[in-house]
Amino acid sequence: MHFPGKFHELLVAEQLDRISLSFLVDDLVIHKGGSGANIAFGLGVLGQRPLLVGAVGADFGEYRQWLEDHGVDTSQVLVCPDLHTARFICTTDDAMRQIGTFYSGAMARSVDIDLSGLPALGVDLVLIGASDPAAMVKYTRQCLELGMPFVADVSQQVTRMDGPDIRILVDGARFLMTNDYEWELLQQKTGWTPAQVAERVDIRITTLGENGVQIVCRDGSELKVGVVPETGKVDPTGVGDAFRAGFLAAHTQGLSLERSAQLGCLIAVTTLESHGGQEWTWDRAVAVERLRDAYGPDAAAEIAAILPE
């Protein structure tokens, strides 16, 4: 939903403990979403065949077909016929700030999913994204036991989980992916310094909004990648998921961290310029041109080599 105003203008600092607000919105749109599905969709559009793992409700049929049509393998999705699929209800104001409510629904059953069969399916990297906290902890432990490389993507669950569980999610990850706010909160909750985090993950990737992306490796080396200039802001929902899809699509095909982040930034800005996390469309020629304009001809040529038509 869109609120034609700014939230902060309606907040009274002295009355926050008694807050009771209703926003009259001027638009309502229902989008397909969910962090895991957004990332899988992006990977599928970029020519990969991601395996989506999660729990959904009896209402998943149409969504399943949409994802399969865009290259996503949904064979490992757990269907809970007595529940609805998780929903995020969000209002965005004119300053692109958001207030949302999340209904977990079938997501609470994610803890019933077992990852032990993934190696036999040829999975070589697991992204553990925002889900039921107990399930996230379980998946992390299973990946460590199975020796499967994983991405720790605590996302919005960093606000809900306590320090000990966040430490479990992070320790041993191939990649730690957060935005800058989540990164600061993660440090507060775990009590770890950036150096201590670096001892526990191979590569930390922190998105910085309009300031691009910071990549820090275990050896202390650091890289910053700027954004692809936007043509306009439409909807920030799913932008972080889009970055992950672009980054992983490139990295799993052998591109460098820099080139992978550059593709991630392109997919992120493409999503920002669209409504919802899966309404963006792929145009290879436009993508290559935007990469060339943002990062130069060499970068565009290297990335173009792995892009689908």
Protein backbone atom coordinates (compact mmCIF):
# COMPACT_ATOMS: atom_id res chain seq x y z
CA MET A 1 0.00 0.00 0.00
CA HIS A 2 1.05 3.60 -0.55
CA PHE A 3 0.53 6.35 2.01
CA PRO A 4 0.57 9.83 0.37
CA GLY A 5 2.52 11.52 3.14
CA LYS A 6 5.45 10.93 5.48
CA PHE A 7 5.22 8.73 8.55
CA HIS A 8 7.57 10.87 10.63
CA GLU A 9 5.22 13.84 10.35
CA LEU A 10 2.56 11.87 12.26
CA LEU A 11 4.77 10.62 15.07
CA VAL A 12 4.84 12.53 18.35
CA ALA A 13 8.01 11.68 20.25
CA GLU A 14 6.45 12.25 23.66
CA GLN A 15 3.51 9.95 22.84
CA LEU A 16 5.22 6.94 21.25
CA ASP A 17 4.21 4.70 24.17
CA ARG A 18 0.55 5.46 23.31
CA ILE A 19 0.84 5.31 19.53
CA SER A 20 -2.40 4.50 17.71
CA LEU A 21 -2.36 5.45 14.05
CA SER A 22 -4.37 4.59 10.97
CA PHE A 23 -3.03 5.52 7.55
CA LEU A 24 -5.42 6.32 4.71
CA VAL A 25 -3.70 4.83 1.69
CA ASP A 26 -4.39 5.61 -1.93
CA ASP A 27 -3.22 2.38 -3.52
CA LEU A 28 -3.37 -1.36 -2.82
CA VAL A 29 -1.46 -3.90 -4.88
CA ILE A 30 -0.92 -7.59 -4.12
CA HIS A 31 2.49 -8.91 -5.17
CA LYS A 32 4.18 -12.28 -5.07
CA GLY A 33 7.01 -12.16 -2.57
CA GLY A 34 8.92 -13.79 0.24
CA SER A 35 12.69 -13.45 0.46
CA GLY A 36 13.44 -17.00 -0.64
CA ALA A 37 11.01 -16.86 -3.54
CA ASN A 38 12.27 -13.42 -4.64
CA ILE A 39 15.87 -14.66 -4.72
CA ALA A 40 14.90 -17.89 -6.47
CA PHE A 41 12.87 -15.95 -9.04
CA GLY A 42 15.84 -13.70 -9.79
CA LEU A 43 18.19 -16.65 -10.15
CA GLY A 44 15.74 -18.36 -12.47
CA VAL A 45 15.34 -15.30 -14.68
CA LEU A 46 19.15 -15.08 -14.86
CA GLY A 47 19.37 -18.58 -16.28
CA GLN A 48 19.95 -20.63 -13.16
CA ARG A 49 17.82 -23.48 -11.80
CA PRO A 50 17.51 -22.72 -8.07
CA LEU A 51 15.88 -25.17 -5.69
CA LEU A 52 13.40 -23.42 -3.41
CA VAL A 53 12.98 -24.92 0.06
CA GLY A 54 10.32 -23.69 2.46
CA ALA A 55 6.84 -24.24 3.84
CA VAL A 56 3.67 -22.90 2.17
CA GLY A 57 -0.08 -23.13 2.59
CA ALA A 58 -2.87 -24.67 0.53
CA ASP A 59 -3.05 -21.44 -1.50
CA PHE A 60 0.34 -22.00 -3.15
CA GLY A 61 -0.83 -23.58 -6.44
CA GLU A 62 -0.87 -20.51 -8.68
CA TYR A 63 2.33 -19.18 -7.13
CA ARG A 64 4.07 -22.53 -7.67
CA GLN A 65 3.25 -22.40 -11.37
CA TRP A 66 4.56 -18.82 -11.63
CA LEU A 67 7.88 -19.79 -10.06
CA GLU A 68 8.25 -22.94 -12.18
CA ASP A 69 7.55 -20.88 -15.29
CA HIS A 70 10.49 -18.67 -14.30
CA GLY A 71 13.01 -21.45 -13.79
CA VAL A 72 12.54 -22.29 -10.11
CA ASP A 73 12.48 -25.90 -8.90
CA THR A 74 9.71 -26.10 -6.26
CA SER A 75 9.84 -29.87 -5.76
CA GLN A 76 11.18 -29.52 -2.20
CA VAL A 77 8.53 -27.05 -0.98
CA LEU A 78 6.50 -28.36 1.96
CA VAL A 79 2.73 -27.77 1.53
CA CYS A 80 0.69 -27.37 4.73
CA PRO A 81 -2.98 -27.71 3.69
CA ASP A 82 -4.35 -26.34 6.96
CA LEU A 83 -2.56 -22.96 6.80
CA HIS A 84 -2.11 -19.92 4.57
CA THR A 85 1.22 -19.06 2.99
CA ALA A 86 3.14 -16.37 4.88
CA ARG A 87 2.23 -12.78 4.07
CA PHE A 88 3.93 -9.43 4.46
CA ILE A 89 1.57 -6.45 4.56
CA CYS A 90 3.47 -3.24 3.96
CA THR A 91 2.75 0.48 3.68
CA THR A 92 5.29 2.76 1.97
CA ASP A 93 5.25 6.54 2.36
CA ASP A 94 6.42 9.32 0.03
CA ALA A 95 9.92 9.17 1.55
CA MET A 96 10.14 5.44 0.69
CA ARG A 97 9.98 4.53 4.40
CA GLN A 98 8.00 1.43 5.27
CA ILE A 99 5.82 0.08 8.08
CA GLY A 100 4.92 -3.57 7.76
CA THR A 101 3.24 -6.50 9.46
CA PHE A 102 4.29 -10.09 8.88
CA TYR A 103 2.01 -13.15 9.20
CA SER A 104 4.13 -16.29 9.39
CA GLY A 105 1.40 -18.84 8.63
CA ALA A 106 2.88 -21.99 7.11
CA MET A 107 6.39 -20.60 7.56
CA ALA A 108 6.21 -21.74 11.18
CA ARG A 109 6.29 -25.33 9.87
CA SER A 110 9.64 -24.76 8.13
CA VAL A 111 11.35 -26.39 11.09
CA ASP A 112 9.87 -29.71 9.93
CA ILE A 113 11.97 -29.61 6.74
CA ASP A 114 15.11 -31.77 6.61
CA LEU A 115 18.04 -30.69 4.41
CA SER A 116 19.92 -33.98 4.59
CA GLY A 117 18.85 -34.94 1.07
CA LEU A 118 20.23 -31.81 -0.61
CA PRO A 119 23.73 -33.14 -1.41
CA ALA A 120 22.19 -35.97 -3.45
CA LEU A 121 20.27 -33.37 -5.47
CA GLY A 122 23.50 -31.68 -6.56
CA VAL A 123 23.09 -28.57 -4.40
CA ASP A 124 26.46 -26.86 -3.92
CA LEU A 125 25.48 -23.73 -1.98
CA VAL A 126 22.59 -23.14 0.44
CA LEU A 127 21.25 -19.67 1.16
CA ILE A 128 19.63 -19.64 4.61
CA GLY A 129 17.31 -16.65 4.47
CA ALA A 130 14.61 -15.16 6.66
CA SER A 131 12.28 -17.90 7.88
CA ASP A 132 11.13 -19.40 11.15
CA PRO A 133 14.06 -18.71 13.54
CA ALA A 134 14.19 -22.28 14.82
CA ALA A 135 14.29 -23.54 11.24
CA MET A 136 17.12 -21.14 10.37
CA VAL A 137 19.18 -22.48 13.27
CA LYS A 138 18.39 -26.07 12.28
CA TYR A 139 19.38 -25.50 8.64
CA THR A 140 22.66 -23.88 9.68
CA ARG A 141 23.57 -26.81 11.89
CA GLN A 142 22.64 -29.28 9.17
CA CYS A 143 24.79 -27.47 6.59
CA LEU A 144 27.75 -27.61 8.96
CA GLU A 145 27.17 -31.31 9.64
CA LEU A 146 26.81 -32.08 5.92
CA GLY A 147 29.80 -29.94 4.98
CA MET A 148 27.62 -27.84 2.66
CA PRO A 149 28.71 -24.22 2.09
CA PHE A 150 26.02 -21.76 3.09
CA VAL A 151 25.08 -18.10 2.91
CA ALA A 152 23.95 -16.54 6.20
CA ASP A 153 21.22 -14.06 5.26
CA VAL A 154 19.61 -13.19 8.60
CA SER A 155 17.68 -10.30 7.02
CA GLN A 156 14.79 -8.88 9.05
CA GLN A 157 14.95 -11.76 11.52
CA VAL A 158 17.96 -10.10 13.12
CA THR A 159 15.47 -7.88 14.94
CA ARG A 160 13.59 -10.89 16.34
CA MET A 161 16.40 -13.27 17.25
CA ASP A 162 18.74 -13.03 20.22
CA GLY A 163 22.52 -12.94 20.19
CA PRO A 164 23.28 -16.64 20.78
CA ASP A 165 21.07 -17.77 17.88
CA ILE A 166 22.48 -15.11 15.54
CA ARG A 167 25.98 -16.33 16.39
CA ILE A 168 24.95 -19.84 15.32
CA LEU A 169 23.60 -18.52 12.02
CA VAL A 170 26.78 -16.64 11.22
CA ASP A 171 29.57 -18.92 12.43
CA GLY A 172 31.05 -20.96 9.57
CA ALA A 173 29.25 -19.19 6.70
CA ARG A 174 30.79 -18.88 3.25
CA PHE A 175 29.01 -15.52 2.90
CA LEU A 176 27.34 -13.23 5.42
CA MET A 177 24.87 -10.93 3.65
CA THR A 178 23.15 -8.00 5.37
CA ASN A 179 22.29 -4.39 4.77
CA ASP A 180 24.06 -1.71 6.79
CA TYR A 181 21.35 -1.47 9.46
CA GLU A 182 21.22 -5.24 9.93
CA TRP A 183 25.01 -5.32 10.13
CA GLU A 184 25.08 -2.81 12.99
CA LEU A 185 22.29 -4.63 14.84
CA LEU A 186 24.01 -7.97 14.32
CA GLN A 187 27.16 -6.61 15.98
CA GLN A 188 25.15 -5.25 18.90
CA LYS A 189 23.29 -8.51 19.49
CA THR A 190 26.24 -10.86 19.08
CA GLY A 191 28.73 -8.64 20.87
CA TRP A 192 31.20 -9.38 18.07
CA THR A 193 33.46 -6.78 16.50
CA PRO A 194 33.95 -6.70 12.73
CA ALA A 195 37.28 -8.47 13.24
CA GLN A 196 35.61 -11.24 15.23
CA VAL A 197 32.98 -11.70 12.55
CA ALA A 198 35.74 -11.89 9.94
CA GLU A 199 37.24 -14.82 11.86
CA ARG A 200 33.99 -16.75 11.46
CA VAL A 201 32.90 -16.10 7.86
CA ASP A 202 34.80 -16.24 4.61
CA ILE A 203 33.26 -13.14 3.04
CA ARG A 204 31.02 -10.41 4.49
CA ILE A 205 28.84 -8.52 2.04
CA THR A 206 27.04 -5.43 3.33
CA THR A 207 24.71 -3.45 1.08
CA LEU A 208 24.79 0.30 1.74
CA GLY A 209 21.77 1.57 -0.18
CA GLU A 210 22.69 4.42 -2.50
CA ASN A 211 26.32 4.07 -1.36
CA GLY A 212 26.75 0.69 -3.00
CA VAL A 213 28.17 -2.48 -1.51
CA GLN A 214 31.04 -3.29 0.85
CA ILE A 215 32.78 -6.66 0.61
CA VAL A 216 35.22 -7.74 3.32
CA CYS A 217 37.19 -11.00 3.10
CA ARG A 218 38.61 -13.10 5.92
CA ASP A 219 42.14 -11.96 5.06
CA GLY A 220 41.16 -8.34 5.69
CA SER A 221 41.01 -7.26 2.07
CA GLU A 222 38.12 -4.93 1.29
CA LEU A 223 36.26 -3.93 -1.86
CA LYS A 224 33.57 -1.32 -2.49
CA VAL A 225 31.27 -1.40 -5.51
CA GLY A 226 29.11 1.56 -6.50
CA VAL A 227 25.49 1.38 -7.59
CA VAL A 228 24.03 1.38 -11.07
CA PRO A 229 22.40 4.83 -11.42
CA GLU A 230 18.64 4.63 -11.05
CA THR A 231 16.09 5.97 -13.51
CA GLY A 232 13.63 6.50 -10.65
CA LYS A 233 12.42 5.00 -7.37
CA VAL A 234 9.20 3.01 -7.59
CA ASP A 235 9.24 0.41 -4.80
CA PRO A 236 12.10 -0.70 -2.51
CA THR A 237 10.46 -4.04 -1.69
CA GLY A 238 12.71 -6.95 -2.64
CA VAL A 239 15.73 -4.85 -3.63
CA GLY A 240 18.02 -6.70 -1.23
CA ASP A 241 16.74 -10.04 -2.49
CA ALA A 242 17.40 -8.93 -6.06
CA PHE A 243 21.00 -8.04 -5.19
CA ARG A 244 21.49 -11.52 -3.75
CA ALA A 245 20.08 -13.14 -6.88
CA GLY A 246 22.36 -11.17 -9.18
CA PHE A 247 25.42 -11.68 -7.01
CA LEU A 248 24.92 -15.43 -6.65
CA ALA A 249 24.03 -15.93 -10.33
CA ALA A 250 27.37 -14.40 -11.28
CA HIS A 251 29.51 -15.86 -8.50
CA THR A 252 28.33 -19.45 -9.01
CA GLN A 253 29.36 -19.11 -12.66
CA GLY A 254 32.90 -18.16 -11.73
CA LEU A 255 32.89 -14.37 -11.85
CA SER A 256 34.91 -12.35 -9.35
CA LEU A 257 33.43 -10.79 -6.24
CA GLU A 258 33.54 -7.38 -7.90
CA ARG A 259 31.77 -8.49 -11.06
CA SER A 260 29.24 -10.47 -9.04
CA ALA A 261 28.44 -7.43 -6.91
CA GLN A 262 28.08 -5.31 -10.04
CA LEU A 263 25.48 -7.67 -11.47
CA GLY A 264 23.80 -7.71 -8.08
CA CYS A 265 23.58 -3.92 -8.13
CA LEU A 266 22.05 -3.98 -11.60
CA ILE A 267 19.32 -6.44 -10.62
CA ALA A 268 18.72 -4.47 -7.42
CA VAL A 269 18.16 -1.17 -9.22
CA THR A 270 16.00 -2.90 -11.84
CA THR A 271 13.79 -4.12 -9.00
CA LEU A 272 13.76 -0.68 -7.36
CA GLU A 273 12.39 0.71 -10.62
CA SER A 274 9.53 -1.81 -10.61
CA HIS A 275 6.56 -2.59 -8.36
CA GLY A 276 7.14 -5.60 -6.10
CA GLY A 277 9.99 -8.07 -5.88
CA GLN A 278 9.14 -10.15 -8.96
CA GLU A 279 7.61 -7.72 -11.44
CA TRP A 280 10.88 -6.67 -13.02
CA THR A 281 11.56 -7.84 -16.55
CA TRP A 282 14.79 -9.01 -18.13
CA ASP A 283 16.23 -7.29 -21.19
CA ARG A 284 19.77 -8.44 -21.89
CA ALA A 285 20.68 -5.60 -24.25
CA VAL A 286 19.52 -2.96 -21.78
CA ALA A 287 21.30 -4.74 -18.94
CA VAL A 288 24.63 -4.81 -20.77
CA GLU A 289 24.30 -1.14 -21.70
CA ARG A 290 23.60 -0.14 -18.11
CA LEU A 291 26.53 -2.22 -16.87
CA ARG A 292 28.80 -0.54 -19.44
CA ASP A 293 27.65 2.93 -18.42
CA ALA A 294 28.09 2.20 -14.71
CA TYR A 295 31.25 0.08 -14.62
CA GLY A 296 32.94 0.34 -18.01
CA PRO A 297 33.24 -1.89 -21.09
CA ASP A 298 35.49 -4.54 -19.52
CA ALA A 299 33.08 -5.18 -16.66
CA ALA A 300 30.11 -5.26 -19.03
CA ALA A 301 31.84 -7.75 -21.33
CA GLU A 302 32.80 -10.11 -18.53
CA ILE A 303 29.34 -10.09 -17.00
CA ALA A 304 27.60 -10.34 -20.38
CA ALA A 305 29.39 -13.65 -20.99
CA ILE A 306 27.22 -15.36 -18.35
CA LEU A 307 23.93 -13.58 -18.99
CA PRO A 308 20.97 -15.33 -20.66
CA GLU A 309 19.30 -13.96 -23.76
